[in-house]
């Protein structure tokens, strides 16, 4: 096979990105269908049922198994590792094709499938912690970047995200034109959300420049110390040889 041209490489990359986006879209759709099924069939456990020891209504396995948290792999005994491997094989046999995350609850070892098993109800402390994260502070618009997203339906949308993210982190978004959730094929960074005159961008660049200069100065000082130490060692070595 001959060497691909630049245009062929770009076409292949675009095709791969579309396949990946379509897969993410399908996974999102099937998970939403699951959530609707769990709600329709009353599969979510109440907090009281969870504490009473009711099993998962998705797979029938216990949620609170009383076995305690599993130790890290590197600290397992040979018996614990054998038990872990057996449970891992059993899990993959049941959920190997589910393409979903796993979850457990603190103090238990039984793993549950994000596609098959409804998540357990949150405790009050956990709910407060999540609410604090979601609603405890307001994001300054100067800290947001605009992204231009191309979706699997070929529509484009504009979304914002905190500038700390180097890549757009959501693989499926709501398309206002289709009225459905679509996979993201391409995400192009537009720039600061509120920066009509470029001041925010200039301030960021100036901050990065100051940080880079400070780092360079530290490296120069360290290099001078190293050079001085080398010279002192060479001087001492010359004196002993003389």
Foldseek 3Di string as FASTA:
>chain_A
DDDDDPVRVVVVLLVVLLVVQVVVQVLVVLQVVLVVVCVVVVQADDPVCLVVFQDFSQPRHTQQPQPADQDDPVPDDPVSVVVVVVLVVVCCVVCVPVPFDWDHDGRDDRIDGSRRTDDHDDDPVVVVVVCCVVPVDDDDLLQKWWKWFQWSVRDIDIDIDGPVDPADDDQWDQDPVVRGITGTSDIHTDTRPPQPPPPSVVVVVVVVVVVVVVVVVVVVVVVVVVVVVVVVVVVVVVVVVD
